[in-house]
Amino acid sequence: MKYIFLLMFLSINAFAGEQSLDDVVKKIDGDKSYRTLVSQCPVEFFPKSNVAYKNFIEYCSVNASLCLELCNKGDANYCSSLANYTQNNLESEYYSEALFSKACKLGLVSACTNRASGLIKYNGDASLDCAVKTFELACSQKDEWGCTMFGAYLAQGQGVERDFNRALEVLKVSCKNGIEDPACQYAQSISSQIKAVLREEQ
């Protein structure tokens, strides 16, 4: 009996989650400010200071509508958490990208990095200049992934002039939270490749 009740409970919650996401989609579609944000480069509204990151993804997975409401009231972390949730649960990337843009404008620098990554993923080279400038700004505020991505493009010479020495300095910032951070691990891999090239050039 308990097992049947649990299945019913999970099914009801799943259905409620779908309804909540449908509500989010309708509200974002009806809000012109999101379309404006998505059409802009994050550099145009990049925050001057970084708000502290908080993870509400699990909460947003069952309270998507409320997360959108809190996002629209100005809480960047609810925007970002809802963006992460919609990224994995909606076919269209528009909603996660719109929410990352909103979180970026509200002061969450990691969301700016996520939006820049999305620009490259979905728009390719057409958005390279914007994305790399966004990574650079994010790195200037010590965002780990921002520095990893900026260091990678400095090393490749894509969207910015190739500069191995600057890349190595930038990639050090990616490890500010320790070696367990995936941003640090990726940064160290890039650094190793750069150092190998520099040894060969000597």
N, C-alpha and C. Protein backbone atom coordinates (compact mmCIF):
# COMPACT_ATOMS: atom_id res chain seq x y z
N MET A 1 0.83 -1.21 0.00
CA MET A 1 0.00 0.00 0.00
C MET A 1 0.87 1.26 0.00
N LYS A 2 1.93 1.25 0.82
CA LYS A 2 2.83 2.40 0.88
C LYS A 2 3.51 2.60 -0.47
N TYR A 3 3.86 1.48 -1.12
CA TYR A 3 4.55 1.54 -2.41
C TYR A 3 3.65 2.19 -3.46
N ILE A 4 2.37 1.79 -3.47
CA ILE A 4 1.41 2.36 -4.42
C ILE A 4 1.22 3.85 -4.15
N PHE A 5 1.15 4.21 -2.87
CA PHE A 5 0.98 5.61 -2.50
C PHE A 5 2.19 6.44 -2.97
N LEU A 6 3.37 5.86 -2.81
CA LEU A 6 4.59 6.55 -3.22
C LEU A 6 4.60 6.79 -4.73
N LEU A 7 4.20 5.78 -5.50
CA LEU A 7 4.14 5.93 -6.95
C LEU A 7 3.15 7.01 -7.34
N MET A 8 2.00 7.02 -6.67
CA MET A 8 0.99 8.05 -6.94
C MET A 8 1.53 9.43 -6.61
N PHE A 9 2.25 9.54 -5.51
CA PHE A 9 2.82 10.81 -5.07
C PHE A 9 3.83 11.32 -6.09
N LEU A 10 4.70 10.41 -6.56
CA LEU A 10 5.71 10.79 -7.55
C LEU A 10 5.07 11.21 -8.86
N SER A 11 4.01 10.48 -9.25
CA SER A 11 3.32 10.81 -10.50
C SER A 11 2.66 12.17 -10.42
N ILE A 12 2.04 12.47 -9.28
CA ILE A 12 1.38 13.77 -9.09
C ILE A 12 2.40 14.89 -9.14
N ASN A 13 3.57 14.67 -8.48
CA ASN A 13 4.61 15.69 -8.47
C ASN A 13 5.19 15.93 -9.86
N ALA A 14 5.35 14.85 -10.62
CA ALA A 14 5.88 14.97 -11.98
C ALA A 14 4.91 15.78 -12.84
N PHE A 15 3.59 15.49 -12.68
CA PHE A 15 2.58 16.21 -13.44
C PHE A 15 2.56 17.68 -13.04
N ALA A 16 2.70 17.94 -11.72
CA ALA A 16 2.71 19.32 -11.22
C ALA A 16 3.92 20.06 -11.77
N GLY A 17 5.05 19.35 -11.87
CA GLY A 17 6.27 19.96 -12.41
C GLY A 17 6.10 20.35 -13.85
N GLU A 18 5.44 19.49 -14.63
CA GLU A 18 5.19 19.78 -16.05
C GLU A 18 4.27 20.99 -16.20
N GLN A 19 3.23 21.05 -15.37
CA GLN A 19 2.32 22.18 -15.41
C GLN A 19 3.04 23.47 -15.06
N SER A 20 3.92 23.37 -14.05
CA SER A 20 4.67 24.53 -13.61
C SER A 20 5.59 25.04 -14.71
N LEU A 21 6.24 24.13 -15.44
CA LEU A 21 7.11 24.52 -16.55
C LEU A 21 6.31 25.13 -17.69
N ASP A 22 5.12 24.59 -17.95
CA ASP A 22 4.25 25.18 -18.98
C ASP A 22 3.92 26.63 -18.63
N ASP A 23 3.70 26.87 -17.35
CA ASP A 23 3.40 28.21 -16.87
C ASP A 23 4.59 29.14 -17.07
N VAL A 24 5.79 28.62 -16.78
CA VAL A 24 7.03 29.39 -16.96
C VAL A 24 7.21 29.77 -18.43
N VAL A 25 7.01 28.79 -19.31
CA VAL A 25 7.16 29.03 -20.75
C VAL A 25 6.20 30.14 -21.21
N LYS A 26 4.95 30.05 -20.79
CA LYS A 26 3.96 31.05 -21.20
C LYS A 26 4.33 32.45 -20.70
N LYS A 27 4.80 32.53 -19.46
CA LYS A 27 5.12 33.84 -18.88
C LYS A 27 6.36 34.45 -19.52
N ILE A 28 7.36 33.62 -19.80
CA ILE A 28 8.56 34.15 -20.46
C ILE A 28 8.24 34.56 -21.89
N ASP A 29 7.43 33.75 -22.59
CA ASP A 29 7.04 34.08 -23.96
C ASP A 29 6.29 35.42 -24.02
N GLY A 30 5.55 35.71 -22.97
CA GLY A 30 4.75 36.93 -22.95
C GLY A 30 5.48 38.15 -22.42
N ASP A 31 6.74 37.99 -22.06
CA ASP A 31 7.52 39.08 -21.46
C ASP A 31 8.57 39.58 -22.47
N LYS A 32 8.34 40.75 -23.02
CA LYS A 32 9.24 41.30 -24.04
C LYS A 32 10.64 41.55 -23.51
N SER A 33 10.78 41.78 -22.21
CA SER A 33 12.10 42.09 -21.65
C SER A 33 13.07 40.92 -21.83
N TYR A 34 12.54 39.69 -21.82
CA TYR A 34 13.41 38.52 -22.02
C TYR A 34 13.92 38.47 -23.46
N ARG A 35 13.05 38.79 -24.41
CA ARG A 35 13.48 38.80 -25.81
C ARG A 35 14.56 39.85 -26.04
N THR A 36 14.42 40.99 -25.36
CA THR A 36 15.42 42.06 -25.48
C THR A 36 16.76 41.59 -24.93
N LEU A 37 16.73 40.95 -23.77
CA LEU A 37 17.97 40.47 -23.14
C LEU A 37 18.69 39.45 -24.02
N VAL A 38 17.93 38.52 -24.57
CA VAL A 38 18.53 37.46 -25.40
C VAL A 38 19.14 38.05 -26.66
N SER A 39 18.61 39.16 -27.14
CA SER A 39 19.13 39.77 -28.37
C SER A 39 20.40 40.57 -28.13
N GLN A 40 20.74 40.80 -26.86
CA GLN A 40 21.90 41.61 -26.52
C GLN A 40 23.10 40.76 -26.11
N CYS A 41 24.28 41.33 -26.27
CA CYS A 41 25.49 40.70 -25.73
C CYS A 41 25.55 41.00 -24.24
N PRO A 42 25.90 40.02 -23.40
CA PRO A 42 25.98 40.27 -21.95
C PRO A 42 26.89 41.42 -21.57
N VAL A 43 27.85 41.74 -22.42
CA VAL A 43 28.74 42.87 -22.16
C VAL A 43 27.95 44.16 -21.99
N GLU A 44 26.81 44.25 -22.68
CA GLU A 44 26.00 45.47 -22.66
C GLU A 44 25.35 45.72 -21.30
N PHE A 45 25.16 44.65 -20.52
CA PHE A 45 24.53 44.84 -19.21
C PHE A 45 25.30 44.11 -18.10
N PHE A 46 26.59 43.92 -18.34
CA PHE A 46 27.41 43.16 -17.39
C PHE A 46 27.42 43.86 -16.03
N PRO A 47 27.22 43.11 -14.94
CA PRO A 47 27.16 43.73 -13.60
C PRO A 47 28.51 44.26 -13.13
N LYS A 48 28.47 45.32 -12.36
CA LYS A 48 29.69 45.92 -11.82
C LYS A 48 30.21 45.18 -10.59
N SER A 49 29.34 44.43 -9.95
CA SER A 49 29.74 43.62 -8.81
C SER A 49 29.02 42.28 -8.87
N ASN A 50 29.57 41.30 -8.18
CA ASN A 50 29.06 39.93 -8.27
C ASN A 50 28.28 39.56 -7.01
N VAL A 51 27.03 39.14 -7.16
CA VAL A 51 26.27 38.67 -6.01
C VAL A 51 26.73 37.25 -5.66
N ALA A 52 26.59 36.88 -4.42
CA ALA A 52 27.00 35.54 -3.97
C ALA A 52 26.11 34.48 -4.59
N TYR A 53 26.74 33.40 -5.05
CA TYR A 53 25.99 32.32 -5.70
C TYR A 53 25.29 31.44 -4.68
N LYS A 54 24.03 31.10 -4.96
CA LYS A 54 23.27 30.15 -4.16
C LYS A 54 22.56 29.19 -5.11
N ASN A 55 22.51 27.93 -4.71
CA ASN A 55 21.94 26.89 -5.57
C ASN A 55 20.50 26.57 -5.13
N PHE A 56 19.54 26.90 -5.99
CA PHE A 56 18.13 26.61 -5.73
C PHE A 56 17.57 25.67 -6.79
N ILE A 57 18.44 24.93 -7.47
CA ILE A 57 17.98 24.10 -8.59
C ILE A 57 16.96 23.06 -8.13
N GLU A 58 17.23 22.39 -7.04
CA GLU A 58 16.30 21.36 -6.55
C GLU A 58 14.96 21.99 -6.19
N TYR A 59 14.99 23.16 -5.57
CA TYR A 59 13.76 23.86 -5.21
C TYR A 59 12.98 24.24 -6.47
N CYS A 60 13.71 24.74 -7.47
CA CYS A 60 13.05 25.17 -8.71
C CYS A 60 12.49 24.00 -9.50
N SER A 61 13.03 22.82 -9.28
CA SER A 61 12.53 21.65 -10.00
C SER A 61 11.10 21.30 -9.61
N VAL A 62 10.69 21.73 -8.44
CA VAL A 62 9.31 21.46 -7.99
C VAL A 62 8.51 22.75 -7.78
N ASN A 63 9.17 23.89 -7.93
CA ASN A 63 8.51 25.19 -7.75
C ASN A 63 8.91 26.16 -8.85
N ALA A 64 8.86 25.69 -10.10
CA ALA A 64 9.35 26.49 -11.22
C ALA A 64 8.64 27.84 -11.33
N SER A 65 7.33 27.85 -11.18
CA SER A 65 6.58 29.10 -11.30
C SER A 65 6.97 30.10 -10.23
N LEU A 66 7.13 29.60 -9.01
CA LEU A 66 7.52 30.48 -7.91
C LEU A 66 8.95 31.00 -8.12
N CYS A 67 9.82 30.15 -8.65
CA CYS A 67 11.19 30.58 -8.94
C CYS A 67 11.19 31.71 -9.97
N LEU A 68 10.34 31.58 -10.99
CA LEU A 68 10.26 32.64 -11.99
C LEU A 68 9.75 33.93 -11.36
N GLU A 69 8.79 33.81 -10.46
CA GLU A 69 8.27 34.99 -9.78
C GLU A 69 9.37 35.68 -8.98
N LEU A 70 10.16 34.89 -8.25
CA LEU A 70 11.25 35.45 -7.45
C LEU A 70 12.35 36.02 -8.34
N CYS A 71 12.58 35.37 -9.46
CA CYS A 71 13.53 35.87 -10.45
C CYS A 71 13.07 37.25 -10.96
N ASN A 72 11.82 37.34 -11.34
CA ASN A 72 11.28 38.60 -11.87
C ASN A 72 11.24 39.72 -10.83
N LYS A 73 11.31 39.32 -9.56
CA LYS A 73 11.36 40.32 -8.48
C LYS A 73 12.80 40.78 -8.21
N GLY A 74 13.76 40.14 -8.91
CA GLY A 74 15.12 40.64 -8.81
C GLY A 74 16.14 39.73 -8.15
N ASP A 75 15.80 38.47 -7.90
CA ASP A 75 16.76 37.54 -7.29
C ASP A 75 17.49 36.75 -8.37
N ALA A 76 18.74 37.09 -8.59
CA ALA A 76 19.53 36.48 -9.67
C ALA A 76 19.70 34.98 -9.51
N ASN A 77 19.81 34.51 -8.28
CA ASN A 77 20.04 33.08 -8.06
C ASN A 77 18.84 32.22 -8.43
N TYR A 78 17.63 32.75 -8.25
CA TYR A 78 16.45 32.01 -8.69
C TYR A 78 16.39 31.98 -10.22
N CYS A 79 16.80 33.06 -10.86
CA CYS A 79 16.87 33.06 -12.33
C CYS A 79 17.84 32.00 -12.82
N SER A 80 19.03 31.98 -12.22
CA SER A 80 20.07 31.05 -12.64
C SER A 80 19.69 29.60 -12.37
N SER A 81 19.13 29.34 -11.20
CA SER A 81 18.73 27.97 -10.85
C SER A 81 17.62 27.48 -11.77
N LEU A 82 16.68 28.36 -12.06
CA LEU A 82 15.60 27.98 -12.98
C LEU A 82 16.15 27.77 -14.38
N ALA A 83 17.15 28.56 -14.76
CA ALA A 83 17.80 28.38 -16.06
C ALA A 83 18.43 27.00 -16.15
N ASN A 84 19.13 26.60 -15.10
CA ASN A 84 19.75 25.27 -15.09
C ASN A 84 18.71 24.16 -15.17
N TYR A 85 17.59 24.35 -14.49
CA TYR A 85 16.54 23.35 -14.52
C TYR A 85 15.88 23.26 -15.90
N THR A 86 15.54 24.41 -16.48
CA THR A 86 14.89 24.39 -17.79
C THR A 86 15.85 23.88 -18.87
N GLN A 87 17.13 24.11 -18.69
CA GLN A 87 18.13 23.65 -19.66
C GLN A 87 18.05 22.14 -19.86
N ASN A 88 17.74 21.44 -18.80
CA ASN A 88 17.68 19.98 -18.84
C ASN A 88 16.28 19.43 -19.04
N ASN A 89 15.27 20.31 -19.04
CA ASN A 89 13.91 19.81 -19.08
C ASN A 89 13.02 20.43 -20.15
N LEU A 90 13.59 21.32 -20.97
CA LEU A 90 12.84 21.88 -22.09
C LEU A 90 13.66 21.70 -23.36
N GLU A 91 12.99 21.41 -24.46
CA GLU A 91 13.70 21.21 -25.72
C GLU A 91 14.33 22.49 -26.24
N SER A 92 13.62 23.59 -26.11
CA SER A 92 14.13 24.87 -26.61
C SER A 92 15.13 25.47 -25.64
N GLU A 93 16.27 25.92 -26.18
CA GLU A 93 17.29 26.54 -25.34
C GLU A 93 16.94 27.99 -25.00
N TYR A 94 15.93 28.55 -25.66
CA TYR A 94 15.60 29.96 -25.47
C TYR A 94 15.35 30.31 -24.01
N TYR A 95 14.66 29.44 -23.30
CA TYR A 95 14.25 29.77 -21.94
C TYR A 95 15.42 29.80 -20.96
N SER A 96 16.30 28.81 -21.06
CA SER A 96 17.48 28.82 -20.19
C SER A 96 18.38 30.01 -20.52
N GLU A 97 18.54 30.30 -21.82
CA GLU A 97 19.40 31.42 -22.23
C GLU A 97 18.81 32.76 -21.77
N ALA A 98 17.49 32.88 -21.86
CA ALA A 98 16.83 34.10 -21.39
C ALA A 98 17.01 34.28 -19.89
N LEU A 99 16.89 33.19 -19.16
CA LEU A 99 17.02 33.25 -17.70
C LEU A 99 18.46 33.49 -17.27
N PHE A 100 19.43 32.90 -17.98
CA PHE A 100 20.83 33.19 -17.67
C PHE A 100 21.13 34.67 -17.93
N SER A 101 20.57 35.20 -19.00
CA SER A 101 20.75 36.63 -19.31
C SER A 101 20.20 37.50 -18.20
N LYS A 102 19.02 37.14 -17.72
CA LYS A 102 18.38 37.90 -16.64
C LYS A 102 19.23 37.82 -15.37
N ALA A 103 19.71 36.63 -15.04
CA ALA A 103 20.55 36.46 -13.85
C ALA A 103 21.84 37.26 -13.98
N CYS A 104 22.40 37.29 -15.18
CA CYS A 104 23.61 38.07 -15.43
C CYS A 104 23.34 39.55 -15.17
N LYS A 105 22.27 40.07 -15.74
CA LYS A 105 21.94 41.48 -15.57
C LYS A 105 21.69 41.83 -14.11
N LEU A 106 21.17 40.87 -13.35
CA LEU A 106 20.87 41.10 -11.94
C LEU A 106 22.10 40.95 -11.04
N GLY A 107 23.23 40.57 -11.64
CA GLY A 107 24.47 40.59 -10.84
C GLY A 107 25.18 39.29 -10.60
N LEU A 108 24.69 38.19 -11.18
CA LEU A 108 25.35 36.89 -10.96
C LEU A 108 26.31 36.63 -12.12
N VAL A 109 27.60 36.82 -11.85
CA VAL A 109 28.61 36.76 -12.91
C VAL A 109 28.70 35.37 -13.54
N SER A 110 28.52 34.31 -12.74
CA SER A 110 28.58 32.96 -13.31
C SER A 110 27.50 32.76 -14.37
N ALA A 111 26.38 33.45 -14.22
CA ALA A 111 25.31 33.37 -15.21
C ALA A 111 25.72 34.05 -16.51
N CYS A 112 26.54 35.09 -16.41
CA CYS A 112 27.07 35.75 -17.61
C CYS A 112 27.96 34.78 -18.37
N THR A 113 28.78 34.03 -17.62
CA THR A 113 29.64 33.02 -18.24
C THR A 113 28.80 31.96 -18.92
N ASN A 114 27.74 31.52 -18.25
CA ASN A 114 26.85 30.50 -18.84
C ASN A 114 26.19 31.02 -20.12
N ARG A 115 25.77 32.27 -20.09
CA ARG A 115 25.14 32.85 -21.27
C ARG A 115 26.13 32.92 -22.43
N ALA A 116 27.36 33.32 -22.13
CA ALA A 116 28.39 33.40 -23.17
C ALA A 116 28.67 32.02 -23.77
N SER A 117 28.69 31.01 -22.92
CA SER A 117 28.89 29.63 -23.40
C SER A 117 27.73 29.22 -24.31
N GLY A 118 26.53 29.62 -23.93
CA GLY A 118 25.36 29.32 -24.75
C GLY A 118 25.41 30.00 -26.10
N LEU A 119 25.93 31.21 -26.12
CA LEU A 119 26.06 31.93 -27.39
C LEU A 119 26.95 31.16 -28.37
N ILE A 120 28.05 30.64 -27.86
CA ILE A 120 28.95 29.87 -28.71
C ILE A 120 28.31 28.55 -29.13
N LYS A 121 27.64 27.90 -28.18
CA LYS A 121 27.02 26.61 -28.46
C LYS A 121 25.94 26.71 -29.52
N TYR A 122 25.11 27.74 -29.43
CA TYR A 122 23.95 27.83 -30.31
C TYR A 122 24.16 28.74 -31.53
N ASN A 123 25.10 29.69 -31.43
CA ASN A 123 25.31 30.64 -32.53
C ASN A 123 26.66 30.47 -33.22
N GLY A 124 27.57 29.75 -32.59
CA GLY A 124 28.88 29.52 -33.19
C GLY A 124 29.72 30.78 -33.32
N ASP A 125 30.50 30.84 -34.38
CA ASP A 125 31.46 31.94 -34.58
C ASP A 125 30.79 33.31 -34.68
N ALA A 126 29.53 33.33 -35.00
CA ALA A 126 28.82 34.61 -35.13
C ALA A 126 28.80 35.38 -33.81
N SER A 127 28.89 34.65 -32.70
CA SER A 127 28.84 35.27 -31.38
C SER A 127 30.18 35.19 -30.65
N LEU A 128 31.22 34.79 -31.37
CA LEU A 128 32.52 34.56 -30.72
C LEU A 128 33.07 35.81 -30.05
N ASP A 129 33.03 36.94 -30.75
CA ASP A 129 33.58 38.18 -30.19
C ASP A 129 32.86 38.57 -28.90
N CYS A 130 31.54 38.52 -28.93
CA CYS A 130 30.74 38.84 -27.74
C CYS A 130 31.06 37.87 -26.60
N ALA A 131 31.10 36.59 -26.91
CA ALA A 131 31.32 35.58 -25.88
C ALA A 131 32.68 35.74 -25.21
N VAL A 132 33.72 35.94 -26.00
CA VAL A 132 35.07 36.07 -25.44
C VAL A 132 35.19 37.32 -24.58
N LYS A 133 34.58 38.41 -25.01
CA LYS A 133 34.60 39.63 -24.19
C LYS A 133 33.86 39.41 -22.87
N THR A 134 32.79 38.62 -22.94
CA THR A 134 32.04 38.31 -21.72
C THR A 134 32.88 37.45 -20.78
N PHE A 135 33.57 36.45 -21.34
CA PHE A 135 34.47 35.62 -20.51
C PHE A 135 35.54 36.47 -19.85
N GLU A 136 36.07 37.42 -20.61
CA GLU A 136 37.12 38.30 -20.07
C GLU A 136 36.59 39.11 -18.88
N LEU A 137 35.40 39.68 -19.03
CA LEU A 137 34.80 40.45 -17.94
C LEU A 137 34.52 39.56 -16.73
N ALA A 138 34.00 38.36 -17.00
CA ALA A 138 33.71 37.42 -15.91
C ALA A 138 34.99 37.06 -15.17
N CYS A 139 36.05 36.84 -15.91
CA CYS A 139 37.34 36.49 -15.30
C CYS A 139 37.87 37.66 -14.47
N SER A 140 37.64 38.89 -14.93
CA SER A 140 38.11 40.05 -14.17
C SER A 140 37.45 40.13 -12.81
N GLN A 141 36.28 39.46 -12.67
CA GLN A 141 35.61 39.39 -11.38
C GLN A 141 35.84 38.03 -10.69
N LYS A 142 36.87 37.33 -11.15
CA LYS A 142 37.34 36.08 -10.52
C LYS A 142 36.36 34.93 -10.65
N ASP A 143 35.54 34.93 -11.70
CA ASP A 143 34.66 33.78 -11.93
C ASP A 143 35.49 32.64 -12.51
N GLU A 144 35.46 31.48 -11.86
CA GLU A 144 36.34 30.38 -12.23
C GLU A 144 36.16 29.93 -13.68
N TRP A 145 34.92 29.65 -14.06
CA TRP A 145 34.69 29.19 -15.43
C TRP A 145 34.92 30.30 -16.43
N GLY A 146 34.67 31.55 -16.02
CA GLY A 146 34.97 32.67 -16.90
C GLY A 146 36.45 32.71 -17.24
N CYS A 147 37.29 32.49 -16.23
CA CYS A 147 38.74 32.48 -16.45
C CYS A 147 39.18 31.26 -17.26
N THR A 148 38.58 30.12 -17.00
CA THR A 148 38.92 28.92 -17.76
C THR A 148 38.60 29.11 -19.24
N MET A 149 37.42 29.63 -19.50
CA MET A 149 37.02 29.83 -20.90
C MET A 149 37.86 30.93 -21.56
N PHE A 150 38.11 32.01 -20.84
CA PHE A 150 38.92 33.09 -21.42
C PHE A 150 40.35 32.60 -21.68
N GLY A 151 40.88 31.83 -20.73
CA GLY A 151 42.22 31.28 -20.91
C GLY A 151 42.29 30.36 -22.12
N ALA A 152 41.25 29.58 -22.32
CA ALA A 152 41.21 28.65 -23.47
C ALA A 152 41.24 29.42 -24.78
N TYR A 153 40.47 30.51 -24.86
CA TYR A 153 40.43 31.29 -26.10
C TYR A 153 41.71 32.10 -26.30
N LEU A 154 42.33 32.54 -25.21
CA LEU A 154 43.64 33.19 -25.33
C LEU A 154 44.67 32.22 -25.89
N ALA A 155 44.60 30.98 -25.44
CA ALA A 155 45.54 29.96 -25.90
C ALA A 155 45.31 29.62 -27.37
N GLN A 156 44.05 29.61 -27.78
CA GLN A 156 43.70 29.26 -29.16
C GLN A 156 43.86 30.44 -30.12
N GLY A 157 43.80 31.65 -29.56
CA GLY A 157 43.84 32.83 -30.42
C GLY A 157 42.56 33.00 -31.19
N GLN A 158 41.44 32.61 -30.58
CA GLN A 158 40.12 32.76 -31.22
C GLN A 158 39.33 33.83 -30.49
N GLY A 159 38.87 34.84 -31.24
CA GLY A 159 38.11 35.92 -30.63
C GLY A 159 38.97 36.91 -29.87
N VAL A 160 40.26 36.62 -29.78
CA VAL A 160 41.21 37.47 -29.06
C VAL A 160 42.61 37.08 -29.54
N GLU A 161 43.54 38.01 -29.47
CA GLU A 161 44.90 37.71 -29.92
C GLU A 161 45.53 36.63 -29.04
N ARG A 162 46.21 35.67 -29.65
CA ARG A 162 46.83 34.59 -28.88
C ARG A 162 47.90 35.16 -27.94
N ASP A 163 47.82 34.73 -26.69
CA ASP A 163 48.78 35.19 -25.68
C ASP A 163 48.94 34.08 -24.64
N PHE A 164 49.94 33.24 -24.83
CA PHE A 164 50.14 32.09 -23.93
C PHE A 164 50.42 32.53 -22.50
N ASN A 165 51.24 33.53 -22.33
CA ASN A 165 51.61 33.97 -20.98
C ASN A 165 50.41 34.52 -20.22
N ARG A 166 49.62 35.31 -20.90
CA ARG A 166 48.42 35.84 -20.25
C ARG A 166 47.45 34.71 -19.94
N ALA A 167 47.35 33.76 -20.86
CA ALA A 167 46.47 32.60 -20.63
C ALA A 167 46.87 31.85 -19.38
N LEU A 168 48.15 31.64 -19.20
CA LEU A 168 48.63 30.91 -18.01
C LEU A 168 48.28 31.65 -16.73
N GLU A 169 48.39 32.98 -16.75
CA GLU A 169 48.05 33.77 -15.56
C GLU A 169 46.56 33.70 -15.27
N VAL A 170 45.76 33.83 -16.32
CA VAL A 170 44.31 33.79 -16.19
C VAL A 170 43.84 32.44 -15.65
N LEU A 171 44.45 31.37 -16.15
CA LEU A 171 44.03 30.02 -15.76
C LEU A 171 44.33 29.70 -14.31
N LYS A 172 45.26 30.42 -13.71
CA LYS A 172 45.55 30.22 -12.28
C LYS A 172 44.33 30.59 -11.43
N VAL A 173 43.60 31.60 -11.87
CA VAL A 173 42.42 32.06 -11.11
C VAL A 173 41.35 30.97 -11.06
N SER A 174 41.33 30.12 -12.08
CA SER A 174 40.33 29.06 -12.15
C SER A 174 40.44 28.07 -11.00
N CYS A 175 41.60 28.06 -10.34
CA CYS A 175 41.84 27.09 -9.28
C CYS A 175 41.72 27.70 -7.89
N LYS A 176 41.06 28.84 -7.78
CA LYS A 176 40.96 29.51 -6.48
C LYS A 176 40.19 28.68 -5.45
N ASN A 177 39.33 27.76 -5.94
CA ASN A 177 38.55 26.92 -5.02
C ASN A 177 39.11 25.51 -4.90
N GLY A 178 40.32 25.29 -5.43
CA GLY A 178 40.98 24.00 -5.27
C GLY A 178 40.87 23.10 -6.48
N ILE A 179 41.65 22.05 -6.45
CA ILE A 179 41.79 21.13 -7.58
C ILE A 179 40.53 20.32 -7.85
N GLU A 180 39.66 20.20 -6.85
CA GLU A 180 38.43 19.42 -7.05
C GLU A 180 37.43 20.14 -7.94
N ASP A 181 37.60 21.44 -8.11
CA ASP A 181 36.69 22.22 -8.95
C ASP A 181 36.91 21.84 -10.42
N PRO A 182 35.85 21.42 -11.12
CA PRO A 182 36.00 21.05 -12.54
C PRO A 182 36.60 22.18 -13.38
N ALA A 183 36.30 23.42 -13.03
CA ALA A 183 36.88 24.55 -13.77
C ALA A 183 38.39 24.54 -13.64
N CYS A 184 38.88 24.20 -12.46
CA CYS A 184 40.32 24.11 -12.21
C CYS A 184 40.93 22.95 -12.98
N GLN A 185 40.27 21.82 -12.97
CA GLN A 185 40.80 20.64 -13.66
C GLN A 185 40.94 20.89 -15.16
N TYR A 186 39.95 21.54 -15.73
CA TYR A 186 40.00 21.86 -17.16
C TYR A 186 41.10 22.90 -17.41
N ALA A 187 41.20 23.88 -16.50
CA ALA A 187 42.22 24.92 -16.63
C ALA A 187 43.62 24.32 -16.57
N GLN A 188 43.82 23.37 -15.69
CA GLN A 188 45.14 22.74 -15.58
C GLN A 188 45.50 21.95 -16.83
N SER A 189 44.49 21.35 -17.44
CA SER A 189 44.71 20.62 -18.69
C SER A 189 45.16 21.58 -19.79
N ILE A 190 44.52 22.74 -19.87
CA ILE A 190 44.89 23.74 -20.87
C ILE A 190 46.30 24.27 -20.59
N SER A 191 46.58 24.54 -19.31
CA SER A 191 47.90 25.04 -18.93
C SER A 191 49.00 24.06 -19.32
N SER A 192 48.75 22.79 -19.11
CA SER A 192 49.73 21.75 -19.46
C SER A 192 50.01 21.76 -20.96
N GLN A 193 48.96 21.92 -21.75
CA GLN A 193 49.12 21.96 -23.20
C GLN A 193 49.91 23.20 -23.64
N ILE A 194 49.63 24.33 -23.01
CA ILE A 194 50.36 25.56 -23.33
C ILE A 194 51.84 25.41 -23.00
N LYS A 195 52.13 24.86 -21.82
CA LYS A 195 53.52 24.70 -21.40
C LYS A 195 54.28 23.74 -22.33
N ALA A 196 53.58 22.73 -22.82
CA ALA A 196 54.20 21.79 -23.75
C ALA A 196 54.57 22.50 -25.06
N VAL A 197 53.69 23.37 -25.53
CA VAL A 197 53.96 24.12 -26.76
C VAL A 197 55.13 25.08 -26.55
N LEU A 198 55.16 25.74 -25.39
CA LEU A 198 56.25 26.67 -25.10
C LEU A 198 57.59 25.97 -25.01
N ARG A 199 57.59 24.76 -24.47
CA ARG A 199 58.85 23.98 -24.40
C ARG A 199 59.34 23.63 -25.78
N GLU A 200 58.42 23.28 -26.65
CA GLU A 200 58.78 22.91 -28.02
C GLU A 200 59.35 24.12 -28.80
N GLU A 201 58.88 25.32 -28.44
CA GLU A 201 59.32 26.52 -29.15
C GLU A 201 60.68 27.02 -28.69
N GLN A 202 61.15 26.52 -27.55
CA GLN A 202 62.45 26.96 -27.02
C GLN A 202 63.60 26.41 -27.83
